[in-house]
Amino acid sequence: MAVQTRTAPRVRAQVSLWDRVKMPLFYGVLAAWTVVSIFPFWVSLVYSLKPVANAYDPPILWPIPFTLENYRTVLTEFELFPRWLLNSAIISVVLTVVRTLFCAMGGYAFARLRFPGRRFLFITMLFSMMVPGQVLIIPRFLVIGPGVIRNLTIGGTKIPTGFGLLDSLLAVIVPGIVDAFGLFMMTQFYRSIPKELEEAAAIDGAGRFGTFFRIVLPMSQTALITLALFTFQGTWNEFMWPLIVLRTPENFTLPLGLQWFRGEYYTLYSIVLAGSLFNSLPIILIFFLFQRYFIRSIAVTGLKGV
């Protein structure tokens, strides 16, 4: 006897119009924003690869005729350009290494040590992150340069109240040795590390410094690289503070030198843009090589109780 089976009717899911268009619309907005973001860089690249005499000839968005003469001009005919590049590299590398180490040590102290005024100092540090950097320009200049109180004399001895570092690379490096954002970031990271690891190291006879440099610091690779990338990027592109403390063209950083360079070649935009791309190239390479650390930084800086 044949058994008859009945097939249940298919129930079509009700798909609204918004469900159909939201993903295409989302990717369309992303594509449009990508074009808007890349367009200025693309125009700069195209103009830097076109001869000065043909910079405004069509096509505007494609380097025809193509030439590398503008880059050769920047590297060979402007003698201070390699010096500016070297100054920026020295300042960025030194400040990145020093700030990363000091912020790691300070963050570990806030996360693990218990000392009087710890909570007050931490809250004060967070408050300093809300103060615009322009407010601190004059105090920083007085401390780095002539001093807060000039001609201070005690018992016939002149007491310096400033470092006297104006017009030197140290004038750019010293004020940025420690950063409030770096301290906060490393503090939050070290609070997420289990204390049992440090307790085990203490049982083995390791002191506080030994535990930090031999156990904790090697575990902080992700946070340290993230902080180093942000520090290098910010230092390499910094313009305002070097403009204030550096006076001699030989001591200029690359962004500051390019501004002066544009003054010398204010009509030769192709050459100016070729020099500007030298300033952008290291940041672009670093971003593509370490972009996963930029993404992880959002998780690293997650809030946690004080």
C-alpha atoms as a PDB file:
ATOM      1  CA  MET A   1       0.000   0.000   0.000  1.00  0.00           C
ATOM      2  CA  ALA A   2       1.546   3.273  -1.053  1.00  0.00           C
ATOM      3  CA  VAL A   3       1.964   5.882   1.585  1.00  0.00           C
ATOM      4  CA  GLN A   4       1.128   9.339   0.463  1.00  0.00           C
ATOM      5  CA  THR A   5       3.207  12.126   1.914  1.00  0.00           C
ATOM      6  CA  ARG A   6       2.082  15.685   2.057  1.00  0.00           C
ATOM      7  CA  THR A   7       4.598  18.426   1.489  1.00  0.00           C
ATOM      8  CA  ALA A   8       4.176  21.409   3.717  1.00  0.00           C
ATOM      9  CA  PRO A   9       3.800  24.609   1.751  1.00  0.00           C
ATOM     10  CA  ARG A  10       6.837  26.877   1.754  1.00  0.00           C
ATOM     11  CA  VAL A  11       6.537  29.984   3.776  1.00  0.00           C
ATOM     12  CA  ARG A  12       8.319  32.862   2.173  1.00  0.00           C
ATOM     13  CA  ALA A  13      10.092  35.148   4.540  1.00  0.00           C
ATOM     14  CA  GLN A  14       8.783  38.615   4.478  1.00  0.00           C
ATOM     15  CA  VAL A  15      11.679  40.794   3.362  1.00  0.00           C
ATOM     16  CA  SER A  16      11.107  44.485   3.713  1.00  0.00           C
ATOM     17  CA  LEU A  17      12.398  47.065   1.286  1.00  0.00           C
ATOM     18  CA  TRP A  18      14.877  48.356   3.881  1.00  0.00           C
ATOM     19  CA  ASP A  19      16.392  44.881   4.330  1.00  0.00           C
ATOM     20  CA  ARG A  20      16.999  44.732   0.595  1.00  0.00           C
ATOM     21  CA  VAL A  21      18.651  48.107   0.208  1.00  0.00           C
ATOM     22  CA  LYS A  22      20.479  48.624   3.509  1.00  0.00           C
ATOM     23  CA  MET A  23      23.596  46.610   2.601  1.00  0.00           C
ATOM     24  CA  PRO A  24      23.999  48.110  -0.916  1.00  0.00           C
ATOM     25  CA  LEU A  25      23.383  51.532   0.589  1.00  0.00           C
ATOM     26  CA  PHE A  26      25.941  50.878   3.329  1.00  0.00           C
ATOM     27  CA  TYR A  27      28.634  49.793   0.873  1.00  0.00           C
ATOM     28  CA  GLY A  28      27.739  52.657  -1.441  1.00  0.00           C
ATOM     29  CA  VAL A  29      28.319  55.177   1.359  1.00  0.00           C
ATOM     30  CA  LEU A  30      31.632  53.496   2.215  1.00  0.00           C
ATOM     31  CA  ALA A  31      32.736  53.588  -1.421  1.00  0.00           C
ATOM     32  CA  ALA A  32      31.786  57.257  -1.760  1.00  0.00           C
ATOM     33  CA  TRP A  33      33.609  58.155   1.453  1.00  0.00           C
ATOM     34  CA  THR A  34      36.676  56.216   0.277  1.00  0.00           C
ATOM     35  CA  VAL A  35      36.757  58.223  -2.946  1.00  0.00           C
ATOM     36  CA  VAL A  36      36.397  61.508  -1.048  1.00  0.00           C
ATOM     37  CA  SER A  37      39.212  60.527   1.354  1.00  0.00           C
ATOM     38  CA  ILE A  38      41.640  59.338  -1.322  1.00  0.00           C
ATOM     39  CA  PHE A  39      40.958  62.099  -3.843  1.00  0.00           C
ATOM     40  CA  PRO A  40      43.251  64.807  -2.312  1.00  0.00           C
ATOM     41  CA  PHE A  41      46.155  62.357  -2.049  1.00  0.00           C
ATOM     42  CA  TRP A  42      45.589  61.163  -5.617  1.00  0.00           C
ATOM     43  CA  VAL A  43      45.571  64.727  -6.959  1.00  0.00           C
ATOM     44  CA  SER A  44      48.815  65.468  -5.082  1.00  0.00           C
ATOM     45  CA  LEU A  45      50.415  62.348  -6.544  1.00  0.00           C
ATOM     46  CA  VAL A  46      49.295  63.182 -10.083  1.00  0.00           C
ATOM     47  CA  TYR A  47      50.547  66.775  -9.921  1.00  0.00           C
ATOM     48  CA  SER A  48      53.897  65.675  -8.479  1.00  0.00           C
ATOM     49  CA  LEU A  49      54.410  63.306 -11.426  1.00  0.00           C
ATOM     50  CA  LYS A  50      53.706  65.911 -14.104  1.00  0.00           C
ATOM     51  CA  PRO A  51      56.193  68.496 -15.420  1.00  0.00           C
ATOM     52  CA  VAL A  52      55.878  71.965 -13.959  1.00  0.00           C
ATOM     53  CA  ALA A  53      55.000  73.419 -17.352  1.00  0.00           C
ATOM     54  CA  ASN A  54      52.211  70.849 -17.907  1.00  0.00           C
ATOM     55  CA  ALA A  55      50.766  70.721 -14.382  1.00  0.00           C
ATOM     56  CA  TYR A  56      47.382  72.147 -15.431  1.00  0.00           C
ATOM     57  CA  ASP A  57      47.145  70.524 -18.847  1.00  0.00           C
ATOM     58  CA  PRO A  58      44.491  67.801 -19.344  1.00  0.00           C
ATOM     59  CA  PRO A  59      44.059  65.107 -18.242  1.00  0.00           C
ATOM     60  CA  ILE A  60      43.986  66.541 -14.733  1.00  0.00           C
ATOM     61  CA  LEU A  61      43.544  63.220 -12.902  1.00  0.00           C
ATOM     62  CA  TRP A  62      46.261  61.252 -14.685  1.00  0.00           C
ATOM     63  CA  PRO A  63      50.029  61.989 -14.891  1.00  0.00           C
ATOM     64  CA  ILE A  64      50.389  62.663 -18.614  1.00  0.00           C
ATOM     65  CA  PRO A  65      53.109  63.508 -19.491  1.00  0.00           C
ATOM     66  CA  PHE A  66      54.818  61.447 -16.788  1.00  0.00           C
ATOM     67  CA  THR A  67      58.073  62.556 -15.160  1.00  0.00           C
ATOM     68  CA  LEU A  68      60.140  62.059 -11.993  1.00  0.00           C
ATOM     69  CA  GLU A  69      61.988  65.324 -12.482  1.00  0.00           C
ATOM     70  CA  ASN A  70      60.171  66.989  -9.563  1.00  0.00           C
ATOM     71  CA  TYR A  71      61.482  64.376  -7.119  1.00  0.00           C
ATOM     72  CA  ARG A  72      64.993  64.732  -8.495  1.00  0.00           C
ATOM     73  CA  THR A  73      64.736  68.495  -7.998  1.00  0.00           C
ATOM     74  CA  VAL A  74      63.689  68.066  -4.373  1.00  0.00           C
ATOM     75  CA  LEU A  75      66.524  65.657  -3.565  1.00  0.00           C
ATOM     76  CA  THR A  76      69.360  67.305  -5.486  1.00  0.00           C
ATOM     77  CA  GLU A  77      68.741  71.028  -5.844  1.00  0.00           C
ATOM     78  CA  PHE A  78      67.490  71.826  -2.354  1.00  0.00           C
ATOM     79  CA  GLU A  79      70.437  71.078  -0.116  1.00  0.00           C
ATOM     80  CA  LEU A  80      68.597  71.270   3.226  1.00  0.00           C
ATOM     81  CA  PHE A  81      65.947  68.697   2.336  1.00  0.00           C
ATOM     82  CA  PRO A  82      68.023  65.619   3.397  1.00  0.00           C
ATOM     83  CA  ARG A  83      68.871  67.430   6.643  1.00  0.00           C
ATOM     84  CA  TRP A  84      65.188  68.048   7.387  1.00  0.00           C
ATOM     85  CA  LEU A  85      64.426  64.414   6.668  1.00  0.00           C
ATOM     86  CA  LEU A  86      67.190  63.333   9.063  1.00  0.00           C
ATOM     87  CA  ASN A  87      66.019  65.706  11.801  1.00  0.00           C
ATOM     88  CA  SER A  88      62.462  64.367  11.602  1.00  0.00           C
ATOM     89  CA  ALA A  89      63.725  60.781  11.701  1.00  0.00           C
ATOM     90  CA  ILE A  90      65.936  61.423  14.753  1.00  0.00           C
ATOM     91  CA  ILE A  91      63.205  63.223  16.697  1.00  0.00           C
ATOM     92  CA  SER A  92      60.503  60.686  15.816  1.00  0.00           C
ATOM     93  CA  VAL A  93      62.579  57.585  16.592  1.00  0.00           C
ATOM     94  CA  VAL A  94      64.064  58.907  19.849  1.00  0.00           C
ATOM     95  CA  LEU A  95      60.758  60.254  21.128  1.00  0.00           C
ATOM     96  CA  THR A  96      58.924  57.053  20.158  1.00  0.00           C
ATOM     97  CA  VAL A  97      61.346  54.830  22.074  1.00  0.00           C
ATOM     98  CA  VAL A  98      61.582  57.070  25.163  1.00  0.00           C
ATOM     99  CA  ARG A  99      57.852  57.822  25.421  1.00  0.00           C
ATOM    100  CA  THR A 100      56.876  54.185  24.950  1.00  0.00           C
ATOM    101  CA  LEU A 101      59.216  53.073  27.743  1.00  0.00           C
ATOM    102  CA  PHE A 102      58.286  55.839  30.191  1.00  0.00           C
ATOM    103  CA  CYS A 103      54.541  55.509  29.567  1.00  0.00           C
ATOM    104  CA  ALA A 104      54.819  51.754  30.111  1.00  0.00           C
ATOM    105  CA  MET A 105      56.591  52.281  33.428  1.00  0.00           C
ATOM    106  CA  GLY A 106      54.132  54.972  34.537  1.00  0.00           C
ATOM    107  CA  GLY A 107      51.134  52.922  33.466  1.00  0.00           C
ATOM    108  CA  TYR A 108      52.415  49.911  35.407  1.00  0.00           C
ATOM    109  CA  ALA A 109      52.862  52.076  38.501  1.00  0.00           C
ATOM    110  CA  PHE A 110      49.274  53.361  38.287  1.00  0.00           C
ATOM    111  CA  ALA A 111      47.916  49.858  37.677  1.00  0.00           C
ATOM    112  CA  ARG A 112      49.827  47.903  40.327  1.00  0.00           C
ATOM    113  CA  LEU A 113      51.423  50.146  42.930  1.00  0.00           C
ATOM    114  CA  ARG A 114      49.493  51.612  45.845  1.00  0.00           C
ATOM    115  CA  PHE A 115      50.883  54.962  46.977  1.00  0.00           C
ATOM    116  CA  PRO A 116      49.430  58.127  48.531  1.00  0.00           C
ATOM    117  CA  GLY A 117      47.734  60.393  46.010  1.00  0.00           C
ATOM    118  CA  ARG A 118      47.550  57.707  43.318  1.00  0.00           C
ATOM    119  CA  ARG A 119      43.871  58.279  42.531  1.00  0.00           C
ATOM    120  CA  PHE A 120      44.292  62.067  42.567  1.00  0.00           C
ATOM    121  CA  LEU A 121      47.254  61.906  40.184  1.00  0.00           C
ATOM    122  CA  PHE A 122      45.397  59.582  37.847  1.00  0.00           C
ATOM    123  CA  ILE A 123      42.330  61.846  37.730  1.00  0.00           C
ATOM    124  CA  THR A 124      44.579  64.879  37.215  1.00  0.00           C
ATOM    125  CA  MET A 125      46.241  63.077  34.316  1.00  0.00           C
ATOM    126  CA  LEU A 126      42.837  62.368  32.753  1.00  0.00           C
ATOM    127  CA  PHE A 127      41.878  66.012  33.225  1.00  0.00           C
ATOM    128  CA  SER A 128      45.069  67.127  31.440  1.00  0.00           C
ATOM    129  CA  MET A 129      43.906  65.184  28.367  1.00  0.00           C
ATOM    130  CA  MET A 130      40.936  67.554  28.122  1.00  0.00           C
ATOM    131  CA  VAL A 131      43.081  70.697  28.101  1.00  0.00           C
ATOM    132  CA  PRO A 132      43.809  71.969  24.558  1.00  0.00           C
ATOM    133  CA  GLY A 133      47.473  71.820  23.672  1.00  0.00           C
ATOM    134  CA  GLN A 134      47.476  75.486  22.653  1.00  0.00           C
ATOM    135  CA  VAL A 135      46.890  76.471  26.292  1.00  0.00           C
ATOM    136  CA  LEU A 136      50.196  74.884  27.314  1.00  0.00           C
ATOM    137  CA  ILE A 137      52.360  76.400  24.574  1.00  0.00           C
ATOM    138  CA  ILE A 138      53.571  79.415  26.576  1.00  0.00           C
ATOM    139  CA  PRO A 139      54.378  77.481  29.807  1.00  0.00           C
ATOM    140  CA  ARG A 140      56.215  74.805  27.815  1.00  0.00           C
ATOM    141  CA  PHE A 141      58.144  77.472  25.915  1.00  0.00           C
ATOM    142  CA  LEU A 142      59.228  79.183  29.145  1.00  0.00           C
ATOM    143  CA  VAL A 143      60.367  75.904  30.714  1.00  0.00           C
ATOM    144  CA  ILE A 144      62.231  74.729  27.615  1.00  0.00           C
ATOM    145  CA  GLY A 145      63.681  78.146  26.832  1.00  0.00           C
ATOM    146  CA  PRO A 146      64.512  81.188  28.969  1.00  0.00           C
ATOM    147  CA  GLY A 147      62.856  79.978  32.164  1.00  0.00           C
ATOM    148  CA  VAL A 148      59.778  80.859  34.159  1.00  0.00           C
ATOM    149  CA  ILE A 149      61.696  83.411  36.276  1.00  0.00           C
ATOM    150  CA  ARG A 150      64.574  85.180  34.577  1.00  0.00           C
ATOM    151  CA  ASN A 151      67.680  86.341  36.432  1.00  0.00           C
ATOM    152  CA  LEU A 152      66.759  84.462  39.607  1.00  0.00           C
ATOM    153  CA  THR A 153      69.675  84.839  42.010  1.00  0.00           C
ATOM    154  CA  ILE A 154      70.039  83.244  45.443  1.00  0.00           C
ATOM    155  CA  GLY A 155      73.099  84.119  47.525  1.00  0.00           C
ATOM    156  CA  GLY A 156      74.865  85.559  44.508  1.00  0.00           C
ATOM    157  CA  THR A 157      74.324  82.356  42.501  1.00  0.00           C
ATOM    158  CA  LYS A 158      72.141  82.482  39.399  1.00  0.00           C
ATOM    159  CA  ILE A 159      69.513  79.751  39.477  1.00  0.00           C
ATOM    160  CA  PRO A 160      68.283  78.606  36.053  1.00  0.00           C
ATOM    161  CA  THR A 161      64.523  78.058  35.792  1.00  0.00           C
ATOM    162  CA  GLY A 162      64.544  76.829  32.201  1.00  0.00           C
ATOM    163  CA  PHE A 163      66.432  74.238  30.189  1.00  0.00           C
ATOM    164  CA  GLY A 164      67.764  76.711  27.595  1.00  0.00           C
ATOM    165  CA  LEU A 165      67.189  74.277  24.726  1.00  0.00           C
ATOM    166  CA  LEU A 166      65.689  76.605  22.145  1.00  0.00           C
ATOM    167  CA  ASP A 167      66.706  76.010  18.526  1.00  0.00           C
ATOM    168  CA  SER A 168      67.815  72.425  19.135  1.00  0.00           C
ATOM    169  CA  LEU A 169      66.314  69.008  18.520  1.00  0.00           C
ATOM    170  CA  LEU A 170      66.062  68.463  22.279  1.00  0.00           C
ATOM    171  CA  ALA A 171      63.585  71.341  22.462  1.00  0.00           C
ATOM    172  CA  VAL A 172      61.172  69.162  20.471  1.00  0.00           C
ATOM    173  CA  ILE A 173      62.014  65.899  22.247  1.00  0.00           C
ATOM    174  CA  VAL A 174      62.020  66.841  25.948  1.00  0.00           C
ATOM    175  CA  PRO A 175      58.405  68.128  26.307  1.00  0.00           C
ATOM    176  CA  GLY A 176      57.025  64.966  24.719  1.00  0.00           C
ATOM    177  CA  ILE A 177      58.868  62.364  26.788  1.00  0.00           C
ATOM    178  CA  VAL A 178      55.666  61.407  28.640  1.00  0.00           C
ATOM    179  CA  ASP A 179      52.154  61.700  27.252  1.00  0.00           C
ATOM    180  CA  ALA A 180      48.869  61.567  29.198  1.00  0.00           C
ATOM    181  CA  PHE A 181      47.169  59.439  26.551  1.00  0.00           C
ATOM    182  CA  GLY A 182      50.050  56.967  26.597  1.00  0.00           C
ATOM    183  CA  LEU A 183      49.915  56.712  30.390  1.00  0.00           C
ATOM    184  CA  PHE A 184      46.173  56.142  30.350  1.00  0.00           C
ATOM    185  CA  MET A 185      46.425  53.550  27.589  1.00  0.00           C
ATOM    186  CA  MET A 186      49.152  51.528  29.304  1.00  0.00           C
ATOM    187  CA  THR A 187      47.381  51.777  32.682  1.00  0.00           C
ATOM    188  CA  GLN A 188      44.233  50.259  31.229  1.00  0.00           C
ATOM    189  CA  PHE A 189      46.228  47.515  29.557  1.00  0.00           C
ATOM    190  CA  TYR A 190      48.164  46.502  32.683  1.00  0.00           C
ATOM    191  CA  ARG A 191      44.948  46.326  34.700  1.00  0.00           C
ATOM    192  CA  SER A 192      43.788  43.578  32.330  1.00  0.00           C
ATOM    193  CA  ILE A 193      46.842  41.369  33.053  1.00  0.00           C
ATOM    194  CA  PRO A 194      46.262  38.742  35.789  1.00  0.00           C
ATOM    195  CA  LYS A 195      48.186  39.466  38.963  1.00  0.00           C
ATOM    196  CA  GLU A 196      48.971  35.764  39.392  1.00  0.00           C
ATOM    197  CA  LEU A 197      51.818  36.048  36.888  1.00  0.00           C
ATOM    198  CA  GLU A 198      53.529  38.715  38.956  1.00  0.00           C
ATOM    199  CA  GLU A 199      52.882  36.815  42.163  1.00  0.00           C
ATOM    200  CA  ALA A 200      54.533  33.745  40.659  1.00  0.00           C
ATOM    201  CA  ALA A 201      57.547  35.852  39.677  1.00  0.00           C
ATOM    202  CA  ALA A 202      57.736  37.264  43.212  1.00  0.00           C
ATOM    203  CA  ILE A 203      57.745  33.721  44.641  1.00  0.00           C
ATOM    204  CA  ASP A 204      60.711  32.951  42.388  1.00  0.00           C
ATOM    205  CA  GLY A 205      62.571  35.894  43.903  1.00  0.00           C
ATOM    206  CA  ALA A 206      62.035  38.534  41.225  1.00  0.00           C
ATOM    207  CA  GLY A 207      61.803  42.122  42.421  1.00  0.00           C
ATOM    208  CA  ARG A 208      59.465  44.789  41.138  1.00  0.00           C
ATOM    209  CA  PHE A 209      61.822  45.958  38.376  1.00  0.00           C
ATOM    210  CA  GLY A 210      62.741  42.409  37.422  1.00  0.00           C
ATOM    211  CA  THR A 211      59.076  41.445  37.195  1.00  0.00           C
ATOM    212  CA  PHE A 212      58.305  44.451  35.030  1.00  0.00           C
ATOM    213  CA  PHE A 213      61.189  44.152  32.575  1.00  0.00           C
ATOM    214  CA  ARG A 214      61.333  40.338  32.387  1.00  0.00           C
ATOM    215  CA  ILE A 215      57.667  39.326  32.705  1.00  0.00           C
ATOM    216  CA  VAL A 216      55.262  42.216  32.174  1.00  0.00           C
ATOM    217  CA  LEU A 217      57.021  44.208  29.448  1.00  0.00           C
ATOM    218  CA  PRO A 218      57.452  41.251  27.034  1.00  0.00           C
ATOM    219  CA  MET A 219      53.718  40.521  27.438  1.00  0.00           C
ATOM    220  CA  SER A 220      52.865  44.100  26.431  1.00  0.00           C
ATOM    221  CA  GLN A 221      53.913  43.786  22.798  1.00  0.00           C
ATOM    222  CA  THR A 222      50.544  44.730  21.305  1.00  0.00           C
ATOM    223  CA  ALA A 223      50.024  47.767  23.534  1.00  0.00           C
ATOM    224  CA  LEU A 224      53.633  48.928  23.158  1.00  0.00           C
ATOM    225  CA  ILE A 225      53.562  48.707  19.360  1.00  0.00           C
ATOM    226  CA  THR A 226      50.230  50.529  19.267  1.00  0.00           C
ATOM    227  CA  LEU A 227      51.557  53.353  21.439  1.00  0.00           C
ATOM    228  CA  ALA A 228      54.778  53.507  19.412  1.00  0.00           C
ATOM    229  CA  LEU A 229      52.823  53.807  16.152  1.00  0.00           C
ATOM    230  CA  PHE A 230      50.645  56.631  17.457  1.00  0.00           C
ATOM    231  CA  THR A 231      53.690  58.409  18.868  1.00  0.00           C
ATOM    232  CA  PHE A 232      55.704  58.136  15.671  1.00  0.00           C
ATOM    233  CA  GLN A 233      52.788  59.298  13.551  1.00  0.00           C
ATOM    234  CA  GLY A 234      52.068  62.313  15.740  1.00  0.00           C
ATOM    235  CA  THR A 235      55.714  63.300  16.104  1.00  0.00           C
ATOM    236  CA  TRP A 236      56.512  62.943  12.408  1.00  0.00           C
ATOM    237  CA  ASN A 237      53.593  65.209  11.411  1.00  0.00           C
ATOM    238  CA  GLU A 238      53.948  67.750  14.246  1.00  0.00           C
ATOM    239  CA  PHE A 239      54.209  71.313  13.006  1.00  0.00           C
ATOM    240  CA  MET A 240      53.195  73.840  15.669  1.00  0.00           C
ATOM    241  CA  TRP A 241      55.740  73.089  18.402  1.00  0.00           C
ATOM    242  CA  PRO A 242      58.797  72.832  16.079  1.00  0.00           C
ATOM    243  CA  LEU A 243      57.694  76.112  14.491  1.00  0.00           C
ATOM    244  CA  ILE A 244      57.878  77.805  17.903  1.00  0.00           C
ATOM    245  CA  VAL A 245      61.168  76.405  19.259  1.00  0.00           C
ATOM    246  CA  LEU A 246      63.270  75.925  16.115  1.00  0.00           C
ATOM    247  CA  ARG A 247      64.836  79.012  14.542  1.00  0.00           C
ATOM    248  CA  THR A 248      67.707  77.846  12.310  1.00  0.00           C
ATOM    249  CA  PRO A 249      66.772  76.259   8.931  1.00  0.00           C
ATOM    250  CA  GLU A 250      69.363  73.522   9.516  1.00  0.00           C
ATOM    251  CA  ASN A 251      67.394  72.366  12.584  1.00  0.00           C
ATOM    252  CA  PHE A 252      63.976  72.340  10.926  1.00  0.00           C
ATOM    253  CA  THR A 253      61.895  69.181  10.798  1.00  0.00           C
ATOM    254  CA  LEU A 254      60.461  68.016   7.482  1.00  0.00           C
ATOM    255  CA  PRO A 255      56.926  69.508   7.888  1.00  0.00           C
ATOM    256  CA  LEU A 256      58.418  72.821   8.977  1.00  0.00           C
ATOM    257  CA  GLY A 257      60.987  72.770   6.193  1.00  0.00           C
ATOM    258  CA  LEU A 258      58.341  72.021   3.582  1.00  0.00           C
ATOM    259  CA  GLN A 259      56.438  75.122   4.654  1.00  0.00           C
ATOM    260  CA  TRP A 260      59.588  77.181   4.145  1.00  0.00           C
ATOM    261  CA  PHE A 261      60.220  75.293   0.920  1.00  0.00           C
ATOM    262  CA  ARG A 262      56.795  76.297  -0.327  1.00  0.00           C
ATOM    263  CA  GLY A 263      57.717  79.886   0.350  1.00  0.00           C
ATOM    264  CA  GLU A 264      60.741  79.493  -1.898  1.00  0.00           C
ATOM    265  CA  TYR A 265      58.790  77.758  -4.662  1.00  0.00           C
ATOM    266  CA  TYR A 266      55.330  79.179  -4.184  1.00  0.00           C
ATOM    267  CA  THR A 267      54.421  78.924  -7.896  1.00  0.00           C
ATOM    268  CA  LEU A 268      55.965  75.484  -8.545  1.00  0.00           C
ATOM    269  CA  TYR A 269      53.195  73.380  -7.054  1.00  0.00           C
ATOM    270  CA  SER A 270      54.425  70.158  -8.667  1.00  0.00           C
ATOM    271  CA  ILE A 271      57.736  70.451  -6.814  1.00  0.00           C
ATOM    272  CA  VAL A 272      56.022  71.401  -3.558  1.00  0.00           C
ATOM    273  CA  LEU A 273      53.713  68.373  -3.772  1.00  0.00           C
ATOM    274  CA  ALA A 274      56.648  66.095  -4.588  1.00  0.00           C
ATOM    275  CA  GLY A 275      58.325  67.230  -1.377  1.00  0.00           C
ATOM    276  CA  SER A 276      55.095  66.783   0.579  1.00  0.00           C
ATOM    277  CA  LEU A 277      54.786  63.166  -0.517  1.00  0.00           C
ATOM    278  CA  PHE A 278      58.155  62.444   1.087  1.00  0.00           C
ATOM    279  CA  ASN A 279      56.537  63.498   4.356  1.00  0.00           C
ATOM    280  CA  SER A 280      53.496  61.259   3.793  1.00  0.00           C
ATOM    281  CA  LEU A 281      55.317  58.148   2.574  1.00  0.00           C
ATOM    282  CA  PRO A 282      56.615  56.848   5.967  1.00  0.00           C
ATOM    283  CA  ILE A 283      53.182  57.217   7.593  1.00  0.00           C
ATOM    284  CA  ILE A 284      51.472  55.425   4.696  1.00  0.00           C
ATOM    285  CA  LEU A 285      53.942  52.536   4.835  1.00  0.00           C
ATOM    286  CA  ILE A 286      53.640  52.240   8.616  1.00  0.00           C
ATOM    287  CA  PHE A 287      49.855  52.198   8.444  1.00  0.00           C
ATOM    288  CA  PHE A 288      49.692  49.407   5.867  1.00  0.00           C
ATOM    289  CA  LEU A 289      52.317  47.338   7.677  1.00  0.00           C
ATOM    290  CA  PHE A 290      50.825  47.727  11.166  1.00  0.00           C
ATOM    291  CA  GLN A 291      47.151  48.493  10.539  1.00  0.00           C
ATOM    292  CA  ARG A 292      46.004  45.578  12.729  1.00  0.00           C
ATOM    293  CA  TYR A 293      47.627  47.296  15.721  1.00  0.00           C
ATOM    294  CA  PHE A 294      45.667  50.486  15.006  1.00  0.00           C
ATOM    295  CA  ILE A 295      42.481  48.417  15.116  1.00  0.00           C
ATOM    296  CA  ARG A 296      43.497  46.644  18.328  1.00  0.00           C
ATOM    297  CA  SER A 297      44.174  49.975  20.020  1.00  0.00           C
ATOM    298  CA  ILE A 298      40.423  50.481  20.425  1.00  0.00           C
ATOM    299  CA  ALA A 299      40.247  47.386  22.634  1.00  0.00           C
ATOM    300  CA  VAL A 300      43.466  48.212  24.458  1.00  0.00           C
ATOM    301  CA  THR A 301      42.173  51.618  25.564  1.00  0.00           C
ATOM    302  CA  GLY A 302      38.895  50.214  26.923  1.00  0.00           C
ATOM    303  CA  LEU A 303      37.728  51.808  30.138  1.00  0.00           C
ATOM    304  CA  LYS A 304      38.195  50.115  33.466  1.00  0.00           C
ATOM    305  CA  GLY A 305      37.728  51.262  37.024  1.00  0.00           C
ATOM    306  CA  VAL A 306      40.358  53.396  38.658  1.00  0.00           C
END
